[in-house]
PDB file of N, CA and C in Angstrom:
ATOM      1  N   MET A   1      36.440  19.463   0.806  1.00  0.00           N
ATOM      2  CA  MET A   1      36.339  18.038   0.607  1.00  0.00           C
ATOM      3  C   MET A   1      37.110  17.350   1.721  1.00  0.00           C
ATOM      4  N   ALA A   2      36.629  16.225   2.166  1.00  0.00           N
ATOM      5  CA  ALA A   2      37.276  15.480   3.246  1.00  0.00           C
ATOM      6  C   ALA A   2      38.600  14.917   2.759  1.00  0.00           C
ATOM      7  N   PRO A   3      39.590  14.818   3.669  1.00  0.00           N
ATOM      8  CA  PRO A   3      40.886  14.280   3.268  1.00  0.00           C
ATOM      9  C   PRO A   3      40.748  12.840   2.772  1.00  0.00           C
ATOM     10  N   GLY A   4      41.468  12.506   1.731  1.00  0.00           N
ATOM     11  CA  GLY A   4      41.477  11.153   1.209  1.00  0.00           C
ATOM     12  C   GLY A   4      40.343  10.864   0.234  1.00  0.00           C
ATOM     13  N   ILE A   5      39.418  11.813   0.007  1.00  0.00           N
ATOM     14  CA  ILE A   5      38.316  11.600  -0.930  1.00  0.00           C
ATOM     15  C   ILE A   5      38.596  12.428  -2.172  1.00  0.00           C
ATOM     16  N   ARG A   6      38.613  11.720  -3.300  1.00  0.00           N
ATOM     17  CA  ARG A   6      38.865  12.417  -4.560  1.00  0.00           C
ATOM     18  C   ARG A   6      37.543  12.831  -5.194  1.00  0.00           C
ATOM     19  N   SER A   7      37.590  13.886  -5.958  1.00  0.00           N
ATOM     20  CA  SER A   7      36.420  14.352  -6.686  1.00  0.00           C
ATOM     21  C   SER A   7      36.238  13.467  -7.921  1.00  0.00           C
ATOM     22  N   LEU A   8      34.992  13.177  -8.258  1.00  0.00           N
ATOM     23  CA  LEU A   8      34.711  12.395  -9.457  1.00  0.00           C
ATOM     24  C   LEU A   8      34.946  13.240 -10.691  1.00  0.00           C
ATOM     25  N   PRO A   9      35.409  12.618 -11.769  1.00  0.00           N
ATOM     26  CA  PRO A   9      35.532  13.370 -13.025  1.00  0.00           C
ATOM     27  C   PRO A   9      34.161  13.883 -13.449  1.00  0.00           C
ATOM     28  N   LEU A  10      34.138  15.064 -14.063  1.00  0.00           N
ATOM     29  CA  LEU A  10      32.864  15.694 -14.415  1.00  0.00           C
ATOM     30  C   LEU A  10      32.052  14.853 -15.393  1.00  0.00           C
ATOM     31  N   GLY A  11      32.705  14.130 -16.279  1.00  0.00           N
ATOM     32  CA  GLY A  11      31.982  13.266 -17.207  1.00  0.00           C
ATOM     33  C   GLY A  11      31.221  12.174 -16.483  1.00  0.00           C
ATOM     34  N   VAL A  12      31.827  11.644 -15.420  1.00  0.00           N
ATOM     35  CA  VAL A  12      31.169  10.610 -14.624  1.00  0.00           C
ATOM     36  C   VAL A  12      29.972  11.207 -13.887  1.00  0.00           C
ATOM     37  N   VAL A  13      30.139  12.406 -13.386  1.00  0.00           N
ATOM     38  CA  VAL A  13      29.048  13.084 -12.685  1.00  0.00           C
ATOM     39  C   VAL A  13      27.878  13.295 -13.642  1.00  0.00           C
ATOM     40  N   ARG A  14      28.179  13.731 -14.871  1.00  0.00           N
ATOM     41  CA  ARG A  14      27.128  13.959 -15.861  1.00  0.00           C
ATOM     42  C   ARG A  14      26.417  12.649 -16.223  1.00  0.00           C
ATOM     43  N   LYS A  15      27.196  11.608 -16.482  1.00  0.00           N
ATOM     44  CA  LYS A  15      26.592  10.312 -16.831  1.00  0.00           C
ATOM     45  C   LYS A  15      25.764   9.761 -15.676  1.00  0.00           C
ATOM     46  N   SER A  16      26.241   9.950 -14.475  1.00  0.00           N
ATOM     47  CA  SER A  16      25.499   9.503 -13.304  1.00  0.00           C
ATOM     48  C   SER A  16      24.176  10.255 -13.185  1.00  0.00           C
ATOM     49  N   ALA A  17      24.220  11.557 -13.410  1.00  0.00           N
ATOM     50  CA  ALA A  17      23.001  12.377 -13.356  1.00  0.00           C
ATOM     51  C   ALA A  17      22.026  11.969 -14.456  1.00  0.00           C
ATOM     52  N   GLN A  18      22.544  11.647 -15.636  1.00  0.00           N
ATOM     53  CA  GLN A  18      21.676  11.216 -16.733  1.00  0.00           C
ATOM     54  C   GLN A  18      21.030   9.858 -16.423  1.00  0.00           C
ATOM     55  N   ALA A  19      21.808   8.955 -15.837  1.00  0.00           N
ATOM     56  CA  ALA A  19      21.262   7.647 -15.463  1.00  0.00           C
ATOM     57  C   ALA A  19      20.188   7.812 -14.393  1.00  0.00           C
ATOM     58  N   ARG A  20      20.446   8.683 -13.448  1.00  0.00           N
ATOM     59  CA  ARG A  20      19.458   8.949 -12.392  1.00  0.00           C
ATOM     60  C   ARG A  20      18.178   9.523 -13.005  1.00  0.00           C
ATOM     61  N   LEU A  21      18.336  10.386 -14.001  1.00  0.00           N
ATOM     62  CA  LEU A  21      17.181  10.976 -14.675  1.00  0.00           C
ATOM     63  C   LEU A  21      16.345   9.892 -15.370  1.00  0.00           C
ATOM     64  N   LEU A  22      17.006   8.943 -16.005  1.00  0.00           N
ATOM     65  CA  LEU A  22      16.289   7.833 -16.642  1.00  0.00           C
ATOM     66  C   LEU A  22      15.530   7.012 -15.598  1.00  0.00           C
ATOM     67  N   ASP A  23      16.170   6.772 -14.466  1.00  0.00           N
ATOM     68  CA  ASP A  23      15.533   6.024 -13.379  1.00  0.00           C
ATOM     69  C   ASP A  23      14.307   6.777 -12.854  1.00  0.00           C
ATOM     70  N   LEU A  24      14.434   8.079 -12.704  1.00  0.00           N
ATOM     71  CA  LEU A  24      13.312   8.886 -12.228  1.00  0.00           C
ATOM     72  C   LEU A  24      12.176   8.908 -13.250  1.00  0.00           C
ATOM     73  N   GLY A  25      12.526   8.915 -14.533  1.00  0.00           N
ATOM     74  CA  GLY A  25      11.506   8.847 -15.581  1.00  0.00           C
ATOM     75  C   GLY A  25      10.746   7.531 -15.519  1.00  0.00           C
ATOM     76  N   ALA A  26      11.478   6.440 -15.263  1.00  0.00           N
ATOM     77  CA  ALA A  26      10.828   5.135 -15.124  1.00  0.00           C
ATOM     78  C   ALA A  26       9.917   5.114 -13.905  1.00  0.00           C
ATOM     79  N   ALA A  27      10.321   5.790 -12.835  1.00  0.00           N
ATOM     80  CA  ALA A  27       9.485   5.862 -11.629  1.00  0.00           C
ATOM     81  C   ALA A  27       8.180   6.605 -11.930  1.00  0.00           C
ATOM     82  N   VAL A  28       8.252   7.658 -12.738  1.00  0.00           N
ATOM     83  CA  VAL A  28       7.037   8.386 -13.126  1.00  0.00           C
ATOM     84  C   VAL A  28       6.122   7.462 -13.932  1.00  0.00           C
ATOM     85  N   ASP A  29       6.708   6.694 -14.857  1.00  0.00           N
ATOM     86  CA  ASP A  29       5.910   5.745 -15.639  1.00  0.00           C
ATOM     87  C   ASP A  29       5.229   4.726 -14.725  1.00  0.00           C
ATOM     88  N   ASP A  30       5.975   4.221 -13.742  1.00  0.00           N
ATOM     89  CA  ASP A  30       5.401   3.272 -12.781  1.00  0.00           C
ATOM     90  C   ASP A  30       4.221   3.900 -12.038  1.00  0.00           C
ATOM     91  N   ARG A  31       4.367   5.141 -11.662  1.00  0.00           N
ATOM     92  CA  ARG A  31       3.293   5.821 -10.926  1.00  0.00           C
ATOM     93  C   ARG A  31       2.068   6.035 -11.805  1.00  0.00           C
ATOM     94  N   GLN A  32       2.298   6.285 -13.104  1.00  0.00           N
ATOM     95  CA  GLN A  32       1.167   6.431 -14.021  1.00  0.00           C
ATOM     96  C   GLN A  32       0.387   5.111 -14.110  1.00  0.00           C
ATOM     97  N   LEU A  33       1.116   4.003 -14.150  1.00  0.00           N
ATOM     98  CA  LEU A  33       0.459   2.695 -14.165  1.00  0.00           C
ATOM     99  C   LEU A  33      -0.309   2.454 -12.866  1.00  0.00           C
ATOM    100  N   ALA A  34       0.276   2.868 -11.748  1.00  0.00           N
ATOM    101  CA  ALA A  34      -0.399   2.697 -10.458  1.00  0.00           C
ATOM    102  C   ALA A  34      -1.688   3.509 -10.406  1.00  0.00           C
ATOM    103  N   ILE A  35      -1.663   4.698 -10.975  1.00  0.00           N
ATOM    104  CA  ILE A  35      -2.875   5.527 -11.020  1.00  0.00           C
ATOM    105  C   ILE A  35      -3.928   4.858 -11.888  1.00  0.00           C
ATOM    106  N   ALA A  36      -3.533   4.330 -13.043  1.00  0.00           N
ATOM    107  CA  ALA A  36      -4.488   3.660 -13.925  1.00  0.00           C
ATOM    108  C   ALA A  36      -5.113   2.449 -13.228  1.00  0.00           C
ATOM    109  N   ALA A  37      -4.298   1.678 -12.523  1.00  0.00           N
ATOM    110  CA  ALA A  37      -4.818   0.512 -11.804  1.00  0.00           C
ATOM    111  C   ALA A  37      -5.756   0.936 -10.680  1.00  0.00           C
ATOM    112  N   ALA A  38      -5.374   1.982  -9.947  1.00  0.00           N
ATOM    113  CA  ALA A  38      -6.217   2.463  -8.849  1.00  0.00           C
ATOM    114  C   ALA A  38      -7.533   3.021  -9.386  1.00  0.00           C
ATOM    115  N   GLN A  39      -7.479   3.686 -10.532  1.00  0.00           N
ATOM    116  CA  GLN A  39      -8.707   4.225 -11.130  1.00  0.00           C
ATOM    117  C   GLN A  39      -9.628   3.095 -11.574  1.00  0.00           C
ATOM    118  N   ALA A  40      -9.043   2.061 -12.171  1.00  0.00           N
ATOM    119  CA  ALA A  40      -9.850   0.907 -12.595  1.00  0.00           C
ATOM    120  C   ALA A  40     -10.493   0.230 -11.381  1.00  0.00           C
ATOM    121  N   ASN A  41      -9.725   0.093 -10.308  1.00  0.00           N
ATOM    122  CA  ASN A  41     -10.270  -0.503  -9.088  1.00  0.00           C
ATOM    123  C   ASN A  41     -11.392   0.363  -8.516  1.00  0.00           C
ATOM    124  N   ASN A  42     -11.195   1.659  -8.542  1.00  0.00           N
ATOM    125  CA  ASN A  42     -12.214   2.593  -8.051  1.00  0.00           C
ATOM    126  C   ASN A  42     -13.495   2.472  -8.875  1.00  0.00           C
ATOM    127  N   ASP A  43     -13.346   2.412 -10.186  1.00  0.00           N
ATOM    128  CA  ASP A  43     -14.516   2.279 -11.059  1.00  0.00           C
ATOM    129  C   ASP A  43     -15.257   0.965 -10.788  1.00  0.00           C
ATOM    130  N   ARG A  44     -14.492  -0.111 -10.640  1.00  0.00           N
ATOM    131  CA  ARG A  44     -15.095  -1.420 -10.371  1.00  0.00           C
ATOM    132  C   ARG A  44     -15.856  -1.406  -9.039  1.00  0.00           C
ATOM    133  N   ARG A  45     -15.252  -0.802  -8.030  1.00  0.00           N
ATOM    134  CA  ARG A  45     -15.909  -0.728  -6.718  1.00  0.00           C
ATOM    135  C   ARG A  45     -17.174   0.128  -6.770  1.00  0.00           C
ATOM    136  N   ASP A  46     -17.139   1.202  -7.566  1.00  0.00           N
ATOM    137  CA  ASP A  46     -18.341   2.026  -7.740  1.00  0.00           C
ATOM    138  C   ASP A  46     -19.471   1.206  -8.362  1.00  0.00           C
ATOM    139  N   GLN A  47     -19.129   0.405  -9.356  1.00  0.00           N
ATOM    140  CA  GLN A  47     -20.139  -0.437 -10.001  1.00  0.00           C
ATOM    141  C   GLN A  47     -20.710  -1.454  -9.017  1.00  0.00           C
ATOM    142  N   GLU A  48     -19.833  -2.032  -8.203  1.00  0.00           N
ATOM    143  CA  GLU A  48     -20.299  -2.994  -7.198  1.00  0.00           C
ATOM    144  C   GLU A  48     -21.239  -2.325  -6.191  1.00  0.00           C
ATOM    145  N   ARG A  49     -20.900  -1.105  -5.809  1.00  0.00           N
ATOM    146  CA  ARG A  49     -21.757  -0.381  -4.862  1.00  0.00           C
ATOM    147  C   ARG A  49     -23.114  -0.088  -5.484  1.00  0.00           C
ATOM    148  N   GLU A  50     -23.124   0.333  -6.743  1.00  0.00           N
ATOM    149  CA  GLU A  50     -24.395   0.604  -7.420  1.00  0.00           C
ATOM    150  C   GLU A  50     -25.237  -0.663  -7.528  1.00  0.00           C
ATOM    151  N   PHE A  51     -24.596  -1.777  -7.855  1.00  0.00           N
ATOM    152  CA  PHE A  51     -25.322  -3.052  -7.931  1.00  0.00           C
ATOM    153  C   PHE A  51     -25.901  -3.416  -6.562  1.00  0.00           C
ATOM    154  N   SER A  52     -25.087  -3.253  -5.523  1.00  0.00           N
ATOM    155  CA  SER A  52     -25.546  -3.575  -4.171  1.00  0.00           C
ATOM    156  C   SER A  52     -26.718  -2.699  -3.750  1.00  0.00           C
ATOM    157  N   ALA A  53     -26.680  -1.437  -4.148  1.00  0.00           N
ATOM    158  CA  ALA A  53     -27.789  -0.529  -3.807  1.00  0.00           C
ATOM    159  C   ALA A  53     -29.075  -0.963  -4.507  1.00  0.00           C
ATOM    160  N   ARG A  54     -28.961  -1.368  -5.778  1.00  0.00           N
ATOM    161  CA  ARG A  54     -30.148  -1.850  -6.495  1.00  0.00           C
ATOM    162  C   ARG A  54     -30.670  -3.145  -5.872  1.00  0.00           C
ATOM    163  N   GLU A  55     -29.732  -4.030  -5.525  1.00  0.00           N
ATOM    164  CA  GLU A  55     -30.116  -5.289  -4.886  1.00  0.00           C
ATOM    165  C   GLU A  55     -30.822  -5.027  -3.555  1.00  0.00           C
ATOM    166  N   PHE A  56     -30.305  -4.073  -2.797  1.00  0.00           N
ATOM    167  CA  PHE A  56     -30.926  -3.723  -1.520  1.00  0.00           C
ATOM    168  C   PHE A  56     -32.348  -3.212  -1.739  1.00  0.00           C
ATOM    169  N   LYS A  57     -32.497  -2.348  -2.725  1.00  0.00           N
ATOM    170  CA  LYS A  57     -33.822  -1.780  -2.995  1.00  0.00           C
ATOM    171  C   LYS A  57     -34.814  -2.885  -3.377  1.00  0.00           C
ATOM    172  N   ARG A  58     -34.388  -3.806  -4.248  1.00  0.00           N
ATOM    173  CA  ARG A  58     -35.275  -4.923  -4.637  1.00  0.00           C
ATOM    174  C   ARG A  58     -35.646  -5.776  -3.429  1.00  0.00           C
ATOM    175  N   ASN A  59     -34.631  -6.093  -2.620  1.00  0.00           N
ATOM    176  CA  ASN A  59     -34.874  -6.948  -1.459  1.00  0.00           C
ATOM    177  C   ASN A  59     -35.708  -6.238  -0.397  1.00  0.00           C
ATOM    178  N   ASP A  60     -35.546  -4.936  -0.292  1.00  0.00           N
ATOM    179  CA  ASP A  60     -36.354  -4.183   0.664  1.00  0.00           C
ATOM    180  C   ASP A  60     -37.830  -4.272   0.282  1.00  0.00           C
ATOM    181  N   THR A  61     -38.097  -4.169  -1.008  1.00  0.00           N
ATOM    182  CA  THR A  61     -39.482  -4.297  -1.473  1.00  0.00           C
ATOM    183  C   THR A  61     -40.029  -5.686  -1.140  1.00  0.00           C
ATOM    184  N   MET A  62     -39.229  -6.714  -1.400  1.00  0.00           N
ATOM    185  CA  MET A  62     -39.673  -8.080  -1.104  1.00  0.00           C
ATOM    186  C   MET A  62     -39.830  -8.290   0.402  1.00  0.00           C
ATOM    187  N   PHE A  63     -38.962  -7.685   1.189  1.00  0.00           N
ATOM    188  CA  PHE A  63     -39.058  -7.808   2.649  1.00  0.00           C
ATOM    189  C   PHE A  63     -40.351  -7.179   3.150  1.00  0.00           C
ATOM    190  N   ARG A  64     -40.676  -6.006   2.641  1.00  0.00           N
ATOM    191  CA  ARG A  64     -41.904  -5.321   3.055  1.00  0.00           C
ATOM    192  C   ARG A  64     -43.157  -6.118   2.677  1.00  0.00           C
ATOM    193  N   ARG A  65     -43.056  -6.900   1.621  1.00  0.00           N
ATOM    194  CA  ARG A  65     -44.192  -7.738   1.193  1.00  0.00           C
ATOM    195  C   ARG A  65     -44.206  -9.095   1.903  1.00  0.00           C
ATOM    196  N   GLY A  66     -43.185  -9.318   2.726  1.00  0.00           N
ATOM    197  CA  GLY A  66     -43.130 -10.562   3.473  1.00  0.00           C
ATOM    198  C   GLY A  66     -42.605 -11.743   2.676  1.00  0.00           C
ATOM    199  N   LEU A  67     -41.904 -11.460   1.574  1.00  0.00           N
ATOM    200  CA  LEU A  67     -41.421 -12.540   0.710  1.00  0.00           C
ATOM    201  C   LEU A  67     -40.042 -13.058   1.121  1.00  0.00           C
ATOM    202  N   ILE A  68     -39.301 -12.263   1.862  1.00  0.00           N
ATOM    203  CA  ILE A  68     -38.002 -12.719   2.378  1.00  0.00           C
ATOM    204  C   ILE A  68     -37.931 -12.389   3.868  1.00  0.00           C
ATOM    205  N   ASN A  69     -37.078 -13.124   4.574  1.00  0.00           N
ATOM    206  CA  ASN A  69     -36.996 -12.913   6.023  1.00  0.00           C
ATOM    207  C   ASN A  69     -35.974 -11.824   6.370  1.00  0.00           C
ATOM    208  N   GLU A  70     -35.956 -11.470   7.632  1.00  0.00           N
ATOM    209  CA  GLU A  70     -35.095 -10.394   8.116  1.00  0.00           C
ATOM    210  C   GLU A  70     -33.611 -10.739   7.973  1.00  0.00           C
ATOM    211  N   THR A  71     -33.261 -11.993   8.179  1.00  0.00           N
ATOM    212  CA  THR A  71     -31.862 -12.413   8.060  1.00  0.00           C
ATOM    213  C   THR A  71     -31.344 -12.198   6.642  1.00  0.00           C
ATOM    214  N   THR A  72     -32.156 -12.532   5.667  1.00  0.00           N
ATOM    215  CA  THR A  72     -31.777 -12.318   4.263  1.00  0.00           C
ATOM    216  C   THR A  72     -31.598 -10.824   3.995  1.00  0.00           C
ATOM    217  N   MET A  73     -32.497 -10.044   4.529  1.00  0.00           N
ATOM    218  CA  MET A  73     -32.416  -8.592   4.344  1.00  0.00           C
ATOM    219  C   MET A  73     -31.159  -8.027   4.994  1.00  0.00           C
ATOM    220  N   GLU A  74     -30.809  -8.512   6.164  1.00  0.00           N
ATOM    221  CA  GLU A  74     -29.597  -8.045   6.844  1.00  0.00           C
ATOM    222  C   GLU A  74     -28.342  -8.417   6.051  1.00  0.00           C
ATOM    223  N   THR A  75     -28.363  -9.582   5.431  1.00  0.00           N
ATOM    224  CA  THR A  75     -27.230 -10.008   4.602  1.00  0.00           C
ATOM    225  C   THR A  75     -27.047  -9.068   3.416  1.00  0.00           C
ATOM    226  N   VAL A  76     -28.120  -8.713   2.767  1.00  0.00           N
ATOM    227  CA  VAL A  76     -28.070  -7.799   1.628  1.00  0.00           C
ATOM    228  C   VAL A  76     -27.593  -6.420   2.089  1.00  0.00           C
ATOM    229  N   GLU A  77     -28.106  -5.983   3.235  1.00  0.00           N
ATOM    230  CA  GLU A  77     -27.695  -4.685   3.784  1.00  0.00           C
ATOM    231  C   GLU A  77     -26.195  -4.681   4.089  1.00  0.00           C
ATOM    232  N   ARG A  78     -25.705  -5.785   4.618  1.00  0.00           N
ATOM    233  CA  ARG A  78     -24.279  -5.895   4.939  1.00  0.00           C
ATOM    234  C   ARG A  78     -23.430  -5.845   3.672  1.00  0.00           C
ATOM    235  N   ARG A  79     -23.886  -6.509   2.616  1.00  0.00           N
ATOM    236  CA  ARG A  79     -23.151  -6.465   1.337  1.00  0.00           C
ATOM    237  C   ARG A  79     -23.099  -5.041   0.797  1.00  0.00           C
ATOM    238  N   MET A  80     -24.190  -4.313   0.962  1.00  0.00           N
ATOM    239  CA  MET A  80     -24.229  -2.935   0.493  1.00  0.00           C
ATOM    240  C   MET A  80     -23.246  -2.074   1.303  1.00  0.00           C
ATOM    241  N   MET A  81     -23.208  -2.282   2.613  1.00  0.00           N
ATOM    242  CA  MET A  81     -22.267  -1.532   3.453  1.00  0.00           C
ATOM    243  C   MET A  81     -20.823  -1.877   3.096  1.00  0.00           C
ATOM    244  N   ASP A  82     -20.550  -3.169   2.881  1.00  0.00           N
ATOM    245  CA  ASP A  82     -19.195  -3.585   2.502  1.00  0.00           C
ATOM    246  C   ASP A  82     -18.773  -2.952   1.178  1.00  0.00           C
ATOM    247  N   ALA A  83     -19.713  -2.879   0.238  1.00  0.00           N
ATOM    248  CA  ALA A  83     -19.420  -2.250  -1.051  1.00  0.00           C
ATOM    249  C   ALA A  83     -19.087  -0.766  -0.862  1.00  0.00           C
ATOM    250  N   GLY A  84     -19.807  -0.102   0.039  1.00  0.00           N
ATOM    251  CA  GLY A  84     -19.513   1.308   0.332  1.00  0.00           C
ATOM    252  C   GLY A  84     -18.141   1.482   0.955  1.00  0.00           C
ATOM    253  N   PHE A  85     -17.774   0.589   1.868  1.00  0.00           N
ATOM    254  CA  PHE A  85     -16.440   0.655   2.479  1.00  0.00           C
ATOM    255  C   PHE A  85     -15.358   0.408   1.430  1.00  0.00           C
ATOM    256  N   ALA A  86     -15.607  -0.531   0.510  1.00  0.00           N
ATOM    257  CA  ALA A  86     -14.634  -0.832  -0.543  1.00  0.00           C
ATOM    258  C   ALA A  86     -14.429   0.382  -1.454  1.00  0.00           C
ATOM    259  N   VAL A  87     -15.500   1.125  -1.714  1.00  0.00           N
ATOM    260  CA  VAL A  87     -15.387   2.344  -2.519  1.00  0.00           C
ATOM    261  C   VAL A  87     -14.500   3.358  -1.792  1.00  0.00           C
ATOM    262  N   ASP A  88     -14.720   3.519  -0.506  1.00  0.00           N
ATOM    263  CA  ASP A  88     -13.914   4.458   0.274  1.00  0.00           C
ATOM    264  C   ASP A  88     -12.428   4.084   0.216  1.00  0.00           C
ATOM    265  N   LEU A  89     -12.137   2.800   0.371  1.00  0.00           N
ATOM    266  CA  LEU A  89     -10.743   2.340   0.309  1.00  0.00           C
ATOM    267  C   LEU A  89     -10.151   2.548  -1.077  1.00  0.00           C
ATOM    268  N   ALA A  90     -10.937   2.308  -2.108  1.00  0.00           N
ATOM    269  CA  ALA A  90     -10.454   2.496  -3.476  1.00  0.00           C
ATOM    270  C   ALA A  90     -10.141   3.971  -3.745  1.00  0.00           C
ATOM    271  N   LYS A  91     -10.969   4.848  -3.213  1.00  0.00           N
ATOM    272  CA  LYS A  91     -10.723   6.290  -3.386  1.00  0.00           C
ATOM    273  C   LYS A  91      -9.456   6.712  -2.658  1.00  0.00           C
ATOM    274  N   GLU A  92      -9.236   6.163  -1.475  1.00  0.00           N
ATOM    275  CA  GLU A  92      -8.006   6.462  -0.730  1.00  0.00           C
ATOM    276  C   GLU A  92      -6.785   5.960  -1.490  1.00  0.00           C
ATOM    277  N   SER A  93      -6.894   4.784  -2.067  1.00  0.00           N
ATOM    278  CA  SER A  93      -5.796   4.213  -2.844  1.00  0.00           C
ATOM    279  C   SER A  93      -5.495   5.073  -4.064  1.00  0.00           C
ATOM    280  N   LEU A  94      -6.521   5.552  -4.717  1.00  0.00           N
ATOM    281  CA  LEU A  94      -6.337   6.422  -5.879  1.00  0.00           C
ATOM    282  C   LEU A  94      -5.670   7.730  -5.470  1.00  0.00           C
ATOM    283  N   ALA A  95      -6.114   8.315  -4.379  1.00  0.00           N
ATOM    284  CA  ALA A  95      -5.513   9.561  -3.897  1.00  0.00           C
ATOM    285  C   ALA A  95      -4.039   9.353  -3.551  1.00  0.00           C
ATOM    286  N   SER A  96      -3.723   8.227  -2.957  1.00  0.00           N
ATOM    287  CA  SER A  96      -2.333   7.911  -2.620  1.00  0.00           C
ATOM    288  C   SER A  96      -1.489   7.756  -3.884  1.00  0.00           C
ATOM    289  N   ALA A  97      -2.049   7.105  -4.904  1.00  0.00           N
ATOM    290  CA  ALA A  97      -1.323   6.932  -6.166  1.00  0.00           C
ATOM    291  C   ALA A  97      -1.074   8.277  -6.846  1.00  0.00           C
ATOM    292  N   VAL A  98      -2.047   9.156  -6.798  1.00  0.00           N
ATOM    293  CA  VAL A  98      -1.881  10.494  -7.388  1.00  0.00           C
ATOM    294  C   VAL A  98      -0.800  11.271  -6.631  1.00  0.00           C
ATOM    295  N   SER A  99      -0.810  11.169  -5.320  1.00  0.00           N
ATOM    296  CA  SER A  99       0.203  11.844  -4.509  1.00  0.00           C
ATOM    297  C   SER A  99       1.600  11.317  -4.827  1.00  0.00           C
ATOM    298  N   ALA A 100       1.727   9.994  -4.949  1.00  0.00           N
ATOM    299  CA  ALA A 100       3.020   9.399  -5.289  1.00  0.00           C
ATOM    300  C   ALA A 100       3.476   9.857  -6.671  1.00  0.00           C
ATOM    301  N   MET A 101       2.546  10.029  -7.586  1.00  0.00           N
ATOM    302  CA  MET A 101       2.874  10.516  -8.926  1.00  0.00           C
ATOM    303  C   MET A 101       3.416  11.936  -8.852  1.00  0.00           C
ATOM    304  N   ARG A 102       2.802  12.758  -8.060  1.00  0.00           N
ATOM    305  CA  ARG A 102       3.282  14.143  -7.917  1.00  0.00           C
ATOM    306  C   ARG A 102       4.706  14.169  -7.354  1.00  0.00           C
ATOM    307  N   ARG A 103       4.952  13.320  -6.353  1.00  0.00           N
ATOM    308  CA  ARG A 103       6.300  13.257  -5.783  1.00  0.00           C
ATOM    309  C   ARG A 103       7.315  12.771  -6.820  1.00  0.00           C
ATOM    310  N   ALA A 104       6.916  11.809  -7.635  1.00  0.00           N
ATOM    311  CA  ALA A 104       7.804  11.289  -8.677  1.00  0.00           C
ATOM    312  C   ALA A 104       8.095  12.365  -9.725  1.00  0.00           C
ATOM    313  N   GLU A 105       7.095  13.149 -10.058  1.00  0.00           N
ATOM    314  CA  GLU A 105       7.299  14.237 -11.028  1.00  0.00           C
ATOM    315  C   GLU A 105       8.249  15.293 -10.467  1.00  0.00           C
ATOM    316  N   ILE A 106       8.117  15.598  -9.185  1.00  0.00           N
ATOM    317  CA  ILE A 106       9.023  16.562  -8.550  1.00  0.00           C
ATOM    318  C   ILE A 106      10.447  16.022  -8.553  1.00  0.00           C
ATOM    319  N   ALA A 107      10.600  14.744  -8.218  1.00  0.00           N
ATOM    320  CA  ALA A 107      11.934  14.128  -8.229  1.00  0.00           C
ATOM    321  C   ALA A 107      12.515  14.158  -9.632  1.00  0.00           C
ATOM    322  N   LEU A 108      11.683  13.946 -10.652  1.00  0.00           N
ATOM    323  CA  LEU A 108      12.146  14.003 -12.037  1.00  0.00           C
ATOM    324  C   LEU A 108      12.642  15.405 -12.381  1.00  0.00           C
ATOM    325  N   GLU A 109      11.919  16.415 -11.954  1.00  0.00           N
ATOM    326  CA  GLU A 109      12.353  17.801 -12.202  1.00  0.00           C
ATOM    327  C   GLU A 109      13.695  18.074 -11.534  1.00  0.00           C
ATOM    328  N   ILE A 110      13.859  17.591 -10.320  1.00  0.00           N
ATOM    329  CA  ILE A 110      15.135  17.769  -9.612  1.00  0.00           C
ATOM    330  C   ILE A 110      16.245  17.053 -10.382  1.00  0.00           C
ATOM    331  N   GLY A 111      15.948  15.860 -10.865  1.00  0.00           N
ATOM    332  CA  GLY A 111      16.929  15.113 -11.662  1.00  0.00           C
ATOM    333  C   GLY A 111      17.319  15.852 -12.927  1.00  0.00           C
ATOM    334  N   GLN A 112      16.352  16.494 -13.578  1.00  0.00           N
ATOM    335  CA  GLN A 112      16.654  17.283 -14.779  1.00  0.00           C
ATOM    336  C   GLN A 112      17.581  18.445 -14.441  1.00  0.00           C
ATOM    337  N   LEU A 113      17.351  19.069 -13.302  1.00  0.00           N
ATOM    338  CA  LEU A 113      18.226  20.169 -12.865  1.00  0.00           C
ATOM    339  C   LEU A 113      19.640  19.663 -12.574  1.00  0.00           C
ATOM    340  N   GLU A 114      19.741  18.468 -12.005  1.00  0.00           N
ATOM    341  CA  GLU A 114      21.057  17.889 -11.722  1.00  0.00           C
ATOM    342  C   GLU A 114      21.825  17.617 -13.008  1.00  0.00           C
ATOM    343  N   VAL A 115      21.128  17.146 -14.036  1.00  0.00           N
ATOM    344  CA  VAL A 115      21.779  16.917 -15.332  1.00  0.00           C
ATOM    345  C   VAL A 115      22.247  18.242 -15.911  1.00  0.00           C
ATOM    346  N   GLU A 116      21.387  19.253 -15.853  1.00  0.00           N
ATOM    347  CA  GLU A 116      21.762  20.571 -16.375  1.00  0.00           C
ATOM    348  C   GLU A 116      22.971  21.125 -15.626  1.00  0.00           C
ATOM    349  N   ARG A 117      22.994  20.958 -14.319  1.00  0.00           N
ATOM    350  CA  ARG A 117      24.128  21.447 -13.521  1.00  0.00           C
ATOM    351  C   ARG A 117      25.403  20.691 -13.909  1.00  0.00           C
ATOM    352  N   ALA A 118      25.298  19.389 -14.087  1.00  0.00           N
ATOM    353  CA  ALA A 118      26.468  18.585 -14.458  1.00  0.00           C
ATOM    354  C   ALA A 118      26.980  19.009 -15.830  1.00  0.00           C
ATOM    355  N   GLU A 119      26.088  19.354 -16.749  1.00  0.00           N
ATOM    356  CA  GLU A 119      26.518  19.787 -18.084  1.00  0.00           C
ATOM    357  C   GLU A 119      27.160  21.167 -18.042  1.00  0.00           C
ATOM    358  N   VAL A 120      26.676  22.020 -17.157  1.00  0.00           N
ATOM    359  CA  VAL A 120      27.257  23.356 -17.011  1.00  0.00           C
ATOM    360  C   VAL A 120      28.652  23.253 -16.403  1.00  0.00           C
ATOM    361  N   ASP A 121      28.813  22.324 -15.466  1.00  0.00           N
ATOM    362  CA  ASP A 121      30.098  22.167 -14.781  1.00  0.00           C
ATOM    363  C   ASP A 121      31.198  21.627 -15.697  1.00  0.00           C
ATOM    364  N   LEU A 122      30.787  21.054 -16.854  1.00  0.00           N
ATOM    365  CA  LEU A 122      31.790  20.554 -17.804  1.00  0.00           C
ATOM    366  C   LEU A 122      32.508  21.716 -18.386  1.00  0.00           C
TER     367      LEU A 122
END
């Protein structure tokens, strides 16, 4: 130990480890909420993409019959592409949330070990 630094009482170390464990548990809960939100966003984006694909198909039929112009068709095509990009981003966000959850769970396990070590040291 460095000169001038006192060791903390073991009870304080244990209480500190327990408080840290509670904080890590709350972080896991936060990550679960983030996953639920990301999943909901992903589902919503999938629905938007499916709607855009149906809209494109309807408009393509009308375009081939000469009922709508090329500019209108390009607008619909662009909306369909944007919906596809939004799905890709939503999937990336979901994957990131799942990864953060795994890291939070690992940190929680480490925190549990710290509490166990502090209790053994008593």
